[in-house]
Amino acid sequence: MVSDLILVTKLSPKEAARGYLISLKASSYSPRYVEAMELALRLFTDYAEAQGWLEVDRLTASNIEDYLVYLRERPRWFGKRDRQRTPMSDSSVETNYRRLKTFFCWLVERGHVSRNPLDLIKHPRFEERVIPTVGEKELLALLELGPVHTK
């Protein structure tokens, strides 16, 4: 009799990410979501590999915090655009946090890690930009003005 229990060998972050992406595709997630998750995991696994983090089950909250600090300090375009040296936005860091948390939840569900290290990290906060909108009265007043002709 074959058991449903699968013995898992030690997974590198890259191998674990590959398995997660396969799981997303098999579960019929949208290609856009899978692509966004793939980018987030590629950034994470490249950093993990550079740091010598070889086993996903040995990653700690401190490792993840190091990575989040790295994201905040690196140029937004990761050196691809030399003129653009602004750091990654707070909302992008928060998005990466959420994607990593989802990834680690999957790792816990599959038994690859015993607990999610992101449970120990406070959710990053960011100040949302308020985009001014035109109210109904202002819109009607603009429509009454008619088309504007410019030369």
N, C-alpha and C. Protein backbone atom coordinates (compact mmCIF):
# COMPACT_ATOMS: atom_id res chain seq x y z
N MET A 1 0.85 -1.18 0.00
CA MET A 1 0.00 0.00 0.00
C MET A 1 0.89 1.24 0.00
N VAL A 2 0.63 2.17 -0.92
CA VAL A 2 1.40 3.39 -1.02
C VAL A 2 0.78 4.45 -0.13
N SER A 3 1.61 5.09 0.66
CA SER A 3 1.14 6.12 1.56
C SER A 3 1.13 7.48 0.86
N ASP A 4 0.26 8.37 1.34
CA ASP A 4 0.24 9.74 0.83
C ASP A 4 1.38 10.56 1.41
N LEU A 5 2.05 10.02 2.40
CA LEU A 5 3.16 10.73 3.02
C LEU A 5 4.35 10.76 2.06
N ILE A 6 4.84 11.95 1.83
CA ILE A 6 5.97 12.11 0.93
C ILE A 6 7.17 12.56 1.76
N LEU A 7 8.25 11.84 1.64
CA LEU A 7 9.46 12.24 2.33
C LEU A 7 10.16 13.32 1.52
N VAL A 8 10.39 14.44 2.15
CA VAL A 8 10.96 15.58 1.45
C VAL A 8 12.42 15.74 1.83
N THR A 9 13.24 15.88 0.81
CA THR A 9 14.64 16.18 1.07
C THR A 9 14.76 17.67 1.32
N LYS A 10 15.90 18.09 1.77
CA LYS A 10 16.14 19.52 2.02
C LYS A 10 16.02 20.27 0.71
N LEU A 11 15.19 21.30 0.70
CA LEU A 11 14.98 22.09 -0.51
C LEU A 11 15.71 23.42 -0.43
N SER A 12 16.32 23.79 -1.52
CA SER A 12 16.87 25.14 -1.61
C SER A 12 15.71 26.10 -1.83
N PRO A 13 15.88 27.38 -1.53
CA PRO A 13 14.80 28.33 -1.82
C PRO A 13 14.38 28.29 -3.29
N LYS A 14 15.34 28.11 -4.21
CA LYS A 14 15.01 28.07 -5.64
C LYS A 14 14.16 26.84 -5.98
N GLU A 15 14.51 25.69 -5.41
CA GLU A 15 13.72 24.47 -5.66
C GLU A 15 12.32 24.61 -5.07
N ALA A 16 12.24 25.20 -3.89
CA ALA A 16 10.93 25.39 -3.26
C ALA A 16 10.07 26.35 -4.08
N ALA A 17 10.68 27.42 -4.58
CA ALA A 17 9.95 28.39 -5.41
C ALA A 17 9.45 27.72 -6.69
N ARG A 18 10.28 26.88 -7.28
CA ARG A 18 9.89 26.16 -8.50
C ARG A 18 8.66 25.29 -8.21
N GLY A 19 8.67 24.58 -7.10
CA GLY A 19 7.53 23.74 -6.72
C GLY A 19 6.27 24.55 -6.48
N TYR A 20 6.43 25.70 -5.84
CA TYR A 20 5.28 26.56 -5.57
C TYR A 20 4.67 27.08 -6.86
N LEU A 21 5.51 27.50 -7.78
CA LEU A 21 5.00 28.01 -9.06
C LEU A 21 4.27 26.92 -9.85
N ILE A 22 4.80 25.70 -9.80
CA ILE A 22 4.11 24.58 -10.44
C ILE A 22 2.75 24.37 -9.80
N SER A 23 2.69 24.46 -8.48
CA SER A 23 1.43 24.30 -7.76
C SER A 23 0.43 25.38 -8.16
N LEU A 24 0.90 26.62 -8.30
CA LEU A 24 0.00 27.71 -8.72
C LEU A 24 -0.56 27.44 -10.12
N LYS A 25 0.32 27.03 -11.02
CA LYS A 25 -0.12 26.75 -12.39
C LYS A 25 -1.10 25.59 -12.43
N ALA A 26 -0.86 24.57 -11.62
CA ALA A 26 -1.75 23.41 -11.59
C ALA A 26 -3.11 23.77 -10.99
N SER A 27 -3.14 24.80 -10.15
CA SER A 27 -4.39 25.22 -9.52
C SER A 27 -5.12 26.27 -10.35
N SER A 28 -4.66 26.50 -11.56
CA SER A 28 -5.32 27.41 -12.51
C SER A 28 -5.35 28.88 -12.07
N TYR A 29 -4.30 29.32 -11.41
CA TYR A 29 -4.18 30.75 -11.12
C TYR A 29 -3.94 31.47 -12.44
N SER A 30 -4.26 32.74 -12.48
CA SER A 30 -4.11 33.49 -13.72
C SER A 30 -2.64 33.61 -14.08
N PRO A 31 -2.34 33.61 -15.37
CA PRO A 31 -0.95 33.77 -15.80
C PRO A 31 -0.30 35.05 -15.25
N ARG A 32 -1.07 36.11 -15.14
CA ARG A 32 -0.54 37.37 -14.62
C ARG A 32 -0.13 37.23 -13.15
N TYR A 33 -0.95 36.54 -12.36
CA TYR A 33 -0.61 36.33 -10.95
C TYR A 33 0.64 35.46 -10.84
N VAL A 34 0.69 34.39 -11.61
CA VAL A 34 1.85 33.50 -11.57
C VAL A 34 3.11 34.26 -11.97
N GLU A 35 3.00 35.10 -12.99
CA GLU A 35 4.16 35.89 -13.44
C GLU A 35 4.63 36.86 -12.35
N ALA A 36 3.69 37.50 -11.67
CA ALA A 36 4.04 38.42 -10.58
C ALA A 36 4.70 37.67 -9.43
N MET A 37 4.16 36.50 -9.11
CA MET A 37 4.75 35.70 -8.04
C MET A 37 6.14 35.20 -8.44
N GLU A 38 6.28 34.83 -9.71
CA GLU A 38 7.57 34.35 -10.19
C GLU A 38 8.64 35.44 -10.07
N LEU A 39 8.29 36.67 -10.40
CA LEU A 39 9.25 37.78 -10.26
C LEU A 39 9.63 37.98 -8.80
N ALA A 40 8.64 38.01 -7.93
CA ALA A 40 8.92 38.20 -6.50
C ALA A 40 9.82 37.09 -5.96
N LEU A 41 9.53 35.86 -6.36
CA LEU A 41 10.33 34.74 -5.86
C LEU A 41 11.72 34.71 -6.48
N ARG A 42 11.84 35.15 -7.72
CA ARG A 42 13.16 35.22 -8.34
C ARG A 42 14.05 36.22 -7.60
N LEU A 43 13.50 37.38 -7.25
CA LEU A 43 14.26 38.36 -6.48
C LEU A 43 14.70 37.77 -5.14
N PHE A 44 13.76 37.09 -4.49
CA PHE A 44 14.07 36.50 -3.19
C PHE A 44 15.09 35.37 -3.28
N THR A 45 14.90 34.46 -4.23
CA THR A 45 15.81 33.31 -4.31
C THR A 45 17.20 33.72 -4.77
N ASP A 46 17.29 34.71 -5.64
CA ASP A 46 18.62 35.21 -6.03
C ASP A 46 19.34 35.80 -4.83
N TYR A 47 18.61 36.55 -4.01
CA TYR A 47 19.21 37.12 -2.80
C TYR A 47 19.60 36.02 -1.82
N ALA A 48 18.71 35.05 -1.64
CA ALA A 48 18.99 33.94 -0.72
C ALA A 48 20.24 33.18 -1.15
N GLU A 49 20.36 32.93 -2.44
CA GLU A 49 21.53 32.22 -2.97
C GLU A 49 22.81 33.03 -2.74
N ALA A 50 22.75 34.34 -2.98
CA ALA A 50 23.92 35.21 -2.77
C ALA A 50 24.34 35.24 -1.30
N GLN A 51 23.37 35.08 -0.40
CA GLN A 51 23.66 35.09 1.04
C GLN A 51 24.09 33.73 1.57
N GLY A 52 24.00 32.70 0.74
CA GLY A 52 24.37 31.36 1.17
C GLY A 52 23.28 30.65 1.96
N TRP A 53 22.03 31.10 1.78
CA TRP A 53 20.91 30.44 2.45
C TRP A 53 20.52 29.24 1.60
N LEU A 54 21.00 28.08 1.95
CA LEU A 54 20.90 26.92 1.09
C LEU A 54 19.69 26.04 1.33
N GLU A 55 19.06 26.16 2.50
CA GLU A 55 17.92 25.30 2.81
C GLU A 55 16.75 26.15 3.29
N VAL A 56 15.62 25.97 2.62
CA VAL A 56 14.46 26.79 2.92
C VAL A 56 13.96 26.57 4.35
N ASP A 57 14.13 25.38 4.88
CA ASP A 57 13.65 25.10 6.24
C ASP A 57 14.54 25.71 7.32
N ARG A 58 15.66 26.29 6.93
CA ARG A 58 16.55 26.91 7.91
C ARG A 58 16.44 28.44 7.91
N LEU A 59 15.57 28.97 7.05
CA LEU A 59 15.41 30.42 6.99
C LEU A 59 14.67 30.92 8.22
N THR A 60 15.11 32.05 8.73
CA THR A 60 14.54 32.62 9.94
C THR A 60 13.89 33.96 9.64
N ALA A 61 13.18 34.47 10.63
CA ALA A 61 12.59 35.81 10.50
C ALA A 61 13.69 36.84 10.26
N SER A 62 14.84 36.67 10.88
CA SER A 62 15.96 37.60 10.66
C SER A 62 16.42 37.59 9.21
N ASN A 63 16.46 36.40 8.60
CA ASN A 63 16.82 36.32 7.18
C ASN A 63 15.83 37.12 6.33
N ILE A 64 14.55 36.94 6.61
CA ILE A 64 13.52 37.64 5.84
C ILE A 64 13.61 39.15 6.07
N GLU A 65 13.87 39.55 7.30
CA GLU A 65 14.04 40.98 7.59
C GLU A 65 15.24 41.55 6.83
N ASP A 66 16.33 40.79 6.77
CA ASP A 66 17.50 41.22 5.98
C ASP A 66 17.09 41.45 4.53
N TYR A 67 16.30 40.55 4.00
CA TYR A 67 15.86 40.66 2.62
C TYR A 67 14.97 41.89 2.41
N LEU A 68 14.05 42.15 3.34
CA LEU A 68 13.19 43.32 3.21
C LEU A 68 13.98 44.62 3.28
N VAL A 69 15.01 44.65 4.12
CA VAL A 69 15.90 45.82 4.18
C VAL A 69 16.63 45.97 2.85
N TYR A 70 17.10 44.87 2.32
CA TYR A 70 17.77 44.87 1.01
C TYR A 70 16.86 45.48 -0.04
N LEU A 71 15.59 45.08 -0.06
CA LEU A 71 14.66 45.62 -1.05
C LEU A 71 14.50 47.13 -0.89
N ARG A 72 14.46 47.60 0.35
CA ARG A 72 14.30 49.04 0.60
C ARG A 72 15.53 49.83 0.17
N GLU A 73 16.70 49.22 0.21
CA GLU A 73 17.94 49.95 -0.06
C GLU A 73 18.41 49.85 -1.51
N ARG A 74 17.99 48.81 -2.22
CA ARG A 74 18.42 48.63 -3.61
C ARG A 74 17.73 49.62 -4.52
N PRO A 75 18.37 49.99 -5.61
CA PRO A 75 17.67 50.83 -6.59
C PRO A 75 16.45 50.11 -7.14
N ARG A 76 15.44 50.89 -7.43
CA ARG A 76 14.16 50.33 -7.88
C ARG A 76 14.33 49.37 -9.05
N TRP A 77 15.17 49.71 -9.99
CA TRP A 77 15.29 48.90 -11.21
C TRP A 77 16.45 47.92 -11.13
N PHE A 78 17.02 47.74 -9.93
CA PHE A 78 18.07 46.75 -9.70
C PHE A 78 19.22 46.91 -10.69
N GLY A 79 19.59 48.20 -10.94
CA GLY A 79 20.76 48.48 -11.75
C GLY A 79 20.52 48.43 -13.24
N LYS A 80 19.31 48.12 -13.68
CA LYS A 80 19.05 48.03 -15.12
C LYS A 80 18.96 49.40 -15.77
N ARG A 81 18.61 50.40 -14.99
CA ARG A 81 18.54 51.76 -15.50
C ARG A 81 19.45 52.61 -14.63
N ASP A 82 20.61 52.92 -15.14
CA ASP A 82 21.61 53.63 -14.34
C ASP A 82 21.12 54.99 -13.85
N ARG A 83 20.31 55.66 -14.67
CA ARG A 83 19.87 57.00 -14.27
C ARG A 83 18.84 56.94 -13.14
N GLN A 84 18.13 55.85 -13.04
CA GLN A 84 17.07 55.74 -12.04
C GLN A 84 17.62 55.05 -10.79
N ARG A 85 17.97 55.82 -9.78
CA ARG A 85 18.57 55.26 -8.57
C ARG A 85 17.63 55.37 -7.37
N THR A 86 16.36 55.63 -7.60
CA THR A 86 15.44 55.73 -6.48
C THR A 86 15.18 54.35 -5.90
N PRO A 87 14.97 54.28 -4.59
CA PRO A 87 14.73 52.96 -3.97
C PRO A 87 13.35 52.42 -4.32
N MET A 88 13.18 51.15 -4.07
CA MET A 88 11.89 50.49 -4.28
C MET A 88 10.86 51.17 -3.36
N SER A 89 9.68 51.37 -3.87
CA SER A 89 8.64 52.04 -3.08
C SER A 89 8.23 51.17 -1.90
N ASP A 90 7.70 51.83 -0.88
CA ASP A 90 7.23 51.10 0.30
C ASP A 90 6.11 50.13 -0.07
N SER A 91 5.25 50.53 -1.01
CA SER A 91 4.16 49.63 -1.40
C SER A 91 4.70 48.40 -2.12
N SER A 92 5.80 48.55 -2.89
CA SER A 92 6.41 47.39 -3.55
C SER A 92 7.03 46.45 -2.53
N VAL A 93 7.66 47.00 -1.51
CA VAL A 93 8.22 46.16 -0.45
C VAL A 93 7.09 45.42 0.26
N GLU A 94 5.98 46.11 0.51
CA GLU A 94 4.84 45.48 1.17
C GLU A 94 4.26 44.37 0.29
N THR A 95 4.21 44.59 -1.01
CA THR A 95 3.72 43.57 -1.94
C THR A 95 4.63 42.35 -1.90
N ASN A 96 5.94 42.57 -1.88
CA ASN A 96 6.88 41.44 -1.80
C ASN A 96 6.71 40.70 -0.47
N TYR A 97 6.46 41.42 0.60
CA TYR A 97 6.21 40.79 1.90
C TYR A 97 5.00 39.85 1.80
N ARG A 98 3.89 40.35 1.23
CA ARG A 98 2.67 39.55 1.12
C ARG A 98 2.90 38.31 0.25
N ARG A 99 3.64 38.47 -0.83
CA ARG A 99 3.90 37.33 -1.70
C ARG A 99 4.78 36.29 -1.01
N LEU A 100 5.78 36.75 -0.27
CA LEU A 100 6.62 35.81 0.48
C LEU A 100 5.80 35.09 1.56
N LYS A 101 4.91 35.83 2.20
CA LYS A 101 4.09 35.21 3.25
C LYS A 101 3.23 34.10 2.65
N THR A 102 2.66 34.34 1.48
CA THR A 102 1.86 33.32 0.80
C THR A 102 2.72 32.11 0.44
N PHE A 103 3.91 32.38 -0.06
CA PHE A 103 4.85 31.31 -0.42
C PHE A 103 5.18 30.46 0.80
N PHE A 104 5.49 31.10 1.92
CA PHE A 104 5.84 30.35 3.12
C PHE A 104 4.63 29.63 3.72
N CYS A 105 3.43 30.18 3.56
CA CYS A 105 2.23 29.44 3.99
C CYS A 105 2.13 28.13 3.22
N TRP A 106 2.40 28.19 1.91
CA TRP A 106 2.37 26.98 1.10
C TRP A 106 3.44 25.99 1.58
N LEU A 107 4.63 26.51 1.91
CA LEU A 107 5.70 25.63 2.41
C LEU A 107 5.30 24.93 3.70
N VAL A 108 4.60 25.65 4.57
CA VAL A 108 4.11 25.05 5.82
C VAL A 108 3.07 23.97 5.51
N GLU A 109 2.11 24.31 4.63
CA GLU A 109 1.06 23.35 4.27
C GLU A 109 1.65 22.07 3.68
N ARG A 110 2.71 22.19 2.91
CA ARG A 110 3.33 21.03 2.27
C ARG A 110 4.32 20.31 3.16
N GLY A 111 4.59 20.86 4.34
CA GLY A 111 5.49 20.22 5.28
C GLY A 111 6.97 20.46 5.00
N HIS A 112 7.27 21.45 4.16
CA HIS A 112 8.67 21.75 3.86
C HIS A 112 9.33 22.58 4.95
N VAL A 113 8.52 23.35 5.68
CA VAL A 113 9.01 24.11 6.83
C VAL A 113 8.02 23.91 7.97
N SER A 114 8.51 24.05 9.20
CA SER A 114 7.63 23.81 10.35
C SER A 114 6.77 25.02 10.69
N ARG A 115 7.28 26.23 10.40
CA ARG A 115 6.47 27.43 10.66
C ARG A 115 6.88 28.54 9.72
N ASN A 116 5.99 29.48 9.56
CA ASN A 116 6.19 30.60 8.64
C ASN A 116 6.98 31.69 9.36
N PRO A 117 8.22 31.99 8.92
CA PRO A 117 9.00 33.02 9.59
C PRO A 117 8.38 34.41 9.47
N LEU A 118 7.52 34.61 8.49
CA LEU A 118 6.90 35.92 8.33
C LEU A 118 5.83 36.18 9.38
N ASP A 119 5.38 35.13 10.09
CA ASP A 119 4.44 35.33 11.18
C ASP A 119 5.07 36.14 12.31
N LEU A 120 6.39 36.17 12.37
CA LEU A 120 7.10 36.90 13.42
C LEU A 120 7.46 38.33 13.01
N ILE A 121 7.15 38.69 11.78
CA ILE A 121 7.52 40.01 11.25
C ILE A 121 6.26 40.83 11.08
N LYS A 122 6.27 42.04 11.62
CA LYS A 122 5.12 42.92 11.45
C LYS A 122 4.94 43.26 9.98
N HIS A 123 3.69 43.31 9.58
CA HIS A 123 3.36 43.67 8.20
C HIS A 123 3.87 45.07 7.93
N PRO A 124 4.69 45.26 6.88
CA PRO A 124 5.21 46.61 6.59
C PRO A 124 4.08 47.58 6.30
N ARG A 125 4.21 48.76 6.83
CA ARG A 125 3.22 49.80 6.60
C ARG A 125 3.75 50.76 5.55
N PHE A 126 2.84 51.32 4.83
CA PHE A 126 3.23 52.36 3.88
C PHE A 126 2.11 53.37 3.80
N GLU A 127 2.51 54.59 3.50
CA GLU A 127 1.53 55.66 3.40
C GLU A 127 0.91 55.62 2.01
N GLU A 128 -0.38 55.43 1.98
CA GLU A 128 -1.06 55.37 0.70
C GLU A 128 -1.22 56.78 0.14
N ARG A 129 -0.98 56.90 -1.15
CA ARG A 129 -1.17 58.18 -1.81
C ARG A 129 -2.65 58.38 -2.08
N VAL A 130 -3.11 59.57 -1.75
CA VAL A 130 -4.50 59.91 -2.02
C VAL A 130 -4.53 60.64 -3.35
N ILE A 131 -5.26 60.09 -4.27
CA ILE A 131 -5.36 60.69 -5.60
C ILE A 131 -6.63 61.54 -5.61
N PRO A 132 -6.47 62.85 -5.82
CA PRO A 132 -7.66 63.70 -5.81
C PRO A 132 -8.61 63.34 -6.96
N THR A 133 -9.88 63.38 -6.65
CA THR A 133 -10.88 63.07 -7.67
C THR A 133 -11.76 64.29 -7.91
N VAL A 134 -12.43 64.28 -9.02
CA VAL A 134 -13.35 65.36 -9.35
C VAL A 134 -14.74 64.93 -8.91
N GLY A 135 -15.38 65.77 -8.12
CA GLY A 135 -16.73 65.46 -7.65
C GLY A 135 -17.76 65.65 -8.76
N GLU A 136 -18.97 65.23 -8.48
CA GLU A 136 -20.03 65.30 -9.49
C GLU A 136 -20.31 66.74 -9.91
N LYS A 137 -20.37 67.67 -8.95
CA LYS A 137 -20.64 69.08 -9.28
C LYS A 137 -19.52 69.66 -10.13
N GLU A 138 -18.26 69.37 -9.77
CA GLU A 138 -17.13 69.88 -10.54
C GLU A 138 -17.13 69.32 -11.96
N LEU A 139 -17.49 68.04 -12.09
CA LEU A 139 -17.53 67.40 -13.40
C LEU A 139 -18.60 68.05 -14.28
N LEU A 140 -19.77 68.29 -13.71
CA LEU A 140 -20.85 68.95 -14.47
C LEU A 140 -20.44 70.36 -14.89
N ALA A 141 -19.75 71.07 -14.00
CA ALA A 141 -19.29 72.42 -14.34
C ALA A 141 -18.27 72.37 -15.49
N LEU A 142 -17.40 71.38 -15.48
CA LEU A 142 -16.42 71.23 -16.56
C LEU A 142 -17.11 70.89 -17.88
N LEU A 143 -18.12 70.07 -17.82
CA LEU A 143 -18.85 69.71 -19.03
C LEU A 143 -19.60 70.91 -19.62
N GLU A 144 -20.08 71.79 -18.76
CA GLU A 144 -20.77 72.99 -19.22
C GLU A 144 -19.83 73.93 -19.95
N LEU A 145 -18.54 73.89 -19.62
CA LEU A 145 -17.57 74.75 -20.29
C LEU A 145 -17.40 74.38 -21.75
N GLY A 146 -17.64 73.16 -22.07
CA GLY A 146 -17.48 72.69 -23.45
C GLY A 146 -16.04 72.33 -23.76
N PRO A 147 -15.79 71.96 -25.02
CA PRO A 147 -14.43 71.54 -25.40
C PRO A 147 -13.45 72.72 -25.36
N VAL A 148 -12.24 72.40 -25.01
CA VAL A 148 -11.18 73.40 -24.97
C VAL A 148 -10.33 73.23 -26.21
N HIS A 149 -10.13 74.32 -26.93
CA HIS A 149 -9.32 74.28 -28.16
C HIS A 149 -7.95 74.87 -27.86
N THR A 150 -6.91 74.14 -28.20
CA THR A 150 -5.54 74.63 -28.02
C THR A 150 -4.84 74.65 -29.36
N LYS A 151 -3.91 75.55 -29.49
CA LYS A 151 -3.12 75.63 -30.73
C LYS A 151 -1.74 75.13 -30.52
